Amino acid sequence: MDNDGQLSTRFNYRWSDKLVSKTQLQVVPGSGQDMVQLENEYTGDDFTASLKMLNPSALDGGITGIFIGSYLQSVTPKLALGLETVWQRAGLTQGPEMATSYSLRYKSDDWVA
């Protein structure tokens, strides 16, 4: 906690060698800029999957917040393919928005693209 009363915390917990949970919390008195971030990441032998939530809430009769899911799969030792989807809804009076992006990673002996 700082001199202005702002509280910031970070907590990580490794459930196993492959599964990690991360939590961040920020409380700012009187500003309305409080923030919570929850993340789970699983790393397999040839893939990584994660789910991240920013300011998730279901208290007002619907789901609001930002939700991000990502997946990266090794196809060969040098080539990996992935995708990430973001779903967000600022408030119940607004409709949700969603975007998906795709990625390709190629690694040679002396560079990565």
C-alpha atoms as a PDB file:
ATOM      1  CA  MET A   1       0.000   0.000   0.000  1.00  0.00           C
ATOM      2  CA  ASP A   2       1.385   3.394  -0.905  1.00  0.00           C
ATOM      3  CA  ASN A   3       0.972   6.814   0.772  1.00  0.00           C
ATOM      4  CA  ASP A   4      -2.211   7.566  -1.225  1.00  0.00           C
ATOM      5  CA  GLY A   5      -3.927   4.400   0.023  1.00  0.00           C
ATOM      6  CA  GLN A   6      -3.559   2.538  -3.270  1.00  0.00           C
ATOM      7  CA  LEU A   7      -3.212  -1.196  -2.767  1.00  0.00           C
ATOM      8  CA  SER A   8      -1.543  -3.421  -5.364  1.00  0.00           C
ATOM      9  CA  THR A   9      -1.020  -7.148  -4.918  1.00  0.00           C
ATOM     10  CA  ARG A  10       0.292  -9.973  -7.053  1.00  0.00           C
ATOM     11  CA  PHE A  11      -0.020 -13.667  -6.303  1.00  0.00           C
ATOM     12  CA  ASN A  12       1.271 -16.622  -8.339  1.00  0.00           C
ATOM     13  CA  TYR A  13       0.706 -20.269  -7.529  1.00  0.00           C
ATOM     14  CA  ARG A  14       2.215 -23.233  -9.367  1.00  0.00           C
ATOM     15  CA  TRP A  15      -0.229 -26.137  -9.075  1.00  0.00           C
ATOM     16  CA  SER A  16       2.147 -28.443 -10.952  1.00  0.00           C
ATOM     17  CA  ASP A  17       5.091 -28.178 -13.338  1.00  0.00           C
ATOM     18  CA  LYS A  18       2.610 -27.454 -16.127  1.00  0.00           C
ATOM     19  CA  LEU A  19      -0.174 -25.382 -14.520  1.00  0.00           C
ATOM     20  CA  VAL A  20       0.269 -21.853 -13.101  1.00  0.00           C
ATOM     21  CA  SER A  21      -2.358 -19.451 -11.739  1.00  0.00           C
ATOM     22  CA  LYS A  22      -1.660 -15.718 -11.489  1.00  0.00           C
ATOM     23  CA  THR A  23      -3.700 -13.034  -9.738  1.00  0.00           C
ATOM     24  CA  GLN A  24      -3.310  -9.250  -9.673  1.00  0.00           C
ATOM     25  CA  LEU A  25      -5.433  -6.828  -7.671  1.00  0.00           C
ATOM     26  CA  GLN A  26      -5.374  -3.033  -7.578  1.00  0.00           C
ATOM     27  CA  VAL A  27      -7.591  -0.919  -5.335  1.00  0.00           C
ATOM     28  CA  VAL A  28      -7.512   2.864  -5.779  1.00  0.00           C
ATOM     29  CA  PRO A  29      -9.643   4.744  -3.213  1.00  0.00           C
ATOM     30  CA  GLY A  30     -12.335   6.992  -4.706  1.00  0.00           C
ATOM     31  CA  SER A  31     -11.196   6.712  -8.323  1.00  0.00           C
ATOM     32  CA  GLY A  32     -13.304   3.887  -9.752  1.00  0.00           C
ATOM     33  CA  GLN A  33     -10.148   2.423 -11.295  1.00  0.00           C
ATOM     34  CA  ASP A  34     -10.050  -0.776  -9.248  1.00  0.00           C
ATOM     35  CA  MET A  35      -8.785  -3.764 -11.206  1.00  0.00           C
ATOM     36  CA  VAL A  36      -8.600  -7.524 -10.826  1.00  0.00           C
ATOM     37  CA  GLN A  37      -6.818  -9.844 -13.250  1.00  0.00           C
ATOM     38  CA  LEU A  38      -6.964 -13.644 -13.080  1.00  0.00           C
ATOM     39  CA  GLU A  39      -4.902 -15.910 -15.330  1.00  0.00           C
ATOM     40  CA  ASN A  40      -4.370 -19.650 -15.707  1.00  0.00           C
ATOM     41  CA  GLU A  41      -1.692 -21.042 -18.007  1.00  0.00           C
ATOM     42  CA  TYR A  42      -1.099 -24.672 -18.900  1.00  0.00           C
ATOM     43  CA  THR A  43       2.096 -25.679 -20.712  1.00  0.00           C
ATOM     44  CA  GLY A  44       2.057 -29.114 -22.316  1.00  0.00           C
ATOM     45  CA  ASP A  45       4.884 -30.910 -24.066  1.00  0.00           C
ATOM     46  CA  ASP A  46       4.123 -29.258 -27.415  1.00  0.00           C
ATOM     47  CA  PHE A  47       1.469 -26.610 -26.677  1.00  0.00           C
ATOM     48  CA  THR A  48       0.510 -23.754 -24.358  1.00  0.00           C
ATOM     49  CA  ALA A  49      -3.055 -22.762 -23.437  1.00  0.00           C
ATOM     50  CA  SER A  50      -4.108 -19.829 -21.287  1.00  0.00           C
ATOM     51  CA  LEU A  51      -7.219 -18.063 -20.063  1.00  0.00           C
ATOM     52  CA  LYS A  52      -7.067 -14.513 -18.716  1.00  0.00           C
ATOM     53  CA  MET A  53      -9.899 -12.487 -17.161  1.00  0.00           C
ATOM     54  CA  LEU A  54      -9.780  -8.756 -16.422  1.00  0.00           C
ATOM     55  CA  ASN A  55     -12.428  -7.292 -14.115  1.00  0.00           C
ATOM     56  CA  PRO A  56     -14.790 -10.263 -14.536  1.00  0.00           C
ATOM     57  CA  SER A  57     -18.226  -9.827 -12.986  1.00  0.00           C
ATOM     58  CA  ALA A  58     -21.605 -11.550 -12.996  1.00  0.00           C
ATOM     59  CA  LEU A  59     -23.121  -9.505 -10.158  1.00  0.00           C
ATOM     60  CA  ASP A  60     -25.476  -7.336 -12.239  1.00  0.00           C
ATOM     61  CA  GLY A  61     -27.360 -10.175 -13.927  1.00  0.00           C
ATOM     62  CA  GLY A  62     -24.955 -10.634 -16.834  1.00  0.00           C
ATOM     63  CA  ILE A  63     -21.291 -11.174 -17.578  1.00  0.00           C
ATOM     64  CA  THR A  64     -18.990  -8.179 -17.980  1.00  0.00           C
ATOM     65  CA  GLY A  65     -15.229  -7.793 -18.232  1.00  0.00           C
ATOM     66  CA  ILE A  66     -12.513  -8.838 -20.641  1.00  0.00           C
ATOM     67  CA  PHE A  67     -11.827 -12.518 -21.299  1.00  0.00           C
ATOM     68  CA  ILE A  68      -8.838 -13.698 -23.350  1.00  0.00           C
ATOM     69  CA  GLY A  69      -8.169 -17.270 -24.414  1.00  0.00           C
ATOM     70  CA  SER A  70      -5.038 -18.288 -26.304  1.00  0.00           C
ATOM     71  CA  TYR A  71      -3.559 -21.490 -27.650  1.00  0.00           C
ATOM     72  CA  LEU A  72      -0.157 -22.145 -29.288  1.00  0.00           C
ATOM     73  CA  GLN A  73       0.582 -25.565 -30.794  1.00  0.00           C
ATOM     74  CA  SER A  74       3.937 -26.788 -32.116  1.00  0.00           C
ATOM     75  CA  VAL A  75       3.418 -28.465 -35.471  1.00  0.00           C
ATOM     76  CA  THR A  76       7.085 -29.237 -36.086  1.00  0.00           C
ATOM     77  CA  PRO A  77      10.183 -28.399 -34.015  1.00  0.00           C
ATOM     78  CA  LYS A  78      10.496 -25.164 -36.021  1.00  0.00           C
ATOM     79  CA  LEU A  79       6.839 -24.265 -36.731  1.00  0.00           C
ATOM     80  CA  ALA A  80       4.063 -23.318 -34.288  1.00  0.00           C
ATOM     81  CA  LEU A  81       0.504 -22.150 -34.984  1.00  0.00           C
ATOM     82  CA  GLY A  82      -1.709 -20.267 -32.571  1.00  0.00           C
ATOM     83  CA  LEU A  83      -4.856 -18.286 -32.034  1.00  0.00           C
ATOM     84  CA  GLU A  84      -6.145 -15.826 -29.485  1.00  0.00           C
ATOM     85  CA  THR A  85      -9.735 -14.748 -28.887  1.00  0.00           C
ATOM     86  CA  VAL A  86     -10.754 -11.666 -26.908  1.00  0.00           C
ATOM     87  CA  TRP A  87     -14.330 -11.190 -25.650  1.00  0.00           C
ATOM     88  CA  GLN A  88     -15.243  -7.999 -23.825  1.00  0.00           C
ATOM     89  CA  ARG A  89     -18.291  -6.270 -22.462  1.00  0.00           C
ATOM     90  CA  ALA A  90     -17.955  -3.015 -20.553  1.00  0.00           C
ATOM     91  CA  GLY A  91     -21.509  -2.961 -19.171  1.00  0.00           C
ATOM     92  CA  LEU A  92     -24.874  -4.641 -19.539  1.00  0.00           C
ATOM     93  CA  THR A  93     -26.215  -1.706 -21.557  1.00  0.00           C
ATOM     94  CA  GLN A  94     -23.581  -2.396 -24.227  1.00  0.00           C
ATOM     95  CA  GLY A  95     -23.301  -5.394 -26.472  1.00  0.00           C
ATOM     96  CA  PRO A  96     -20.296  -7.682 -26.270  1.00  0.00           C
ATOM     97  CA  GLU A  97     -17.390  -7.409 -28.699  1.00  0.00           C
ATOM     98  CA  MET A  98     -15.173 -10.255 -29.850  1.00  0.00           C
ATOM     99  CA  ALA A  99     -12.046 -10.556 -31.974  1.00  0.00           C
ATOM    100  CA  THR A 100      -9.899 -13.528 -32.945  1.00  0.00           C
ATOM    101  CA  SER A 101      -6.337 -13.337 -34.196  1.00  0.00           C
ATOM    102  CA  TYR A 102      -4.167 -16.069 -35.645  1.00  0.00           C
ATOM    103  CA  SER A 103      -0.404 -16.406 -35.436  1.00  0.00           C
ATOM    104  CA  LEU A 104       2.409 -18.373 -36.973  1.00  0.00           C
ATOM    105  CA  ARG A 105       5.879 -18.739 -35.462  1.00  0.00           C
ATOM    106  CA  TYR A 106       8.819 -20.056 -37.436  1.00  0.00           C
ATOM    107  CA  LYS A 107      12.220 -20.534 -35.825  1.00  0.00           C
ATOM    108  CA  SER A 108      15.378 -21.094 -37.840  1.00  0.00           C
ATOM    109  CA  ASP A 109      18.871 -21.611 -36.496  1.00  0.00           C
ATOM    110  CA  ASP A 110      19.638 -17.875 -36.300  1.00  0.00           C
ATOM    111  CA  TRP A 111      16.291 -15.999 -36.419  1.00  0.00           C
ATOM    112  CA  VAL A 112      12.621 -16.190 -35.417  1.00  0.00           C
ATOM    113  CA  ALA A 113       9.653 -14.899 -37.435  1.00  0.00           C
END
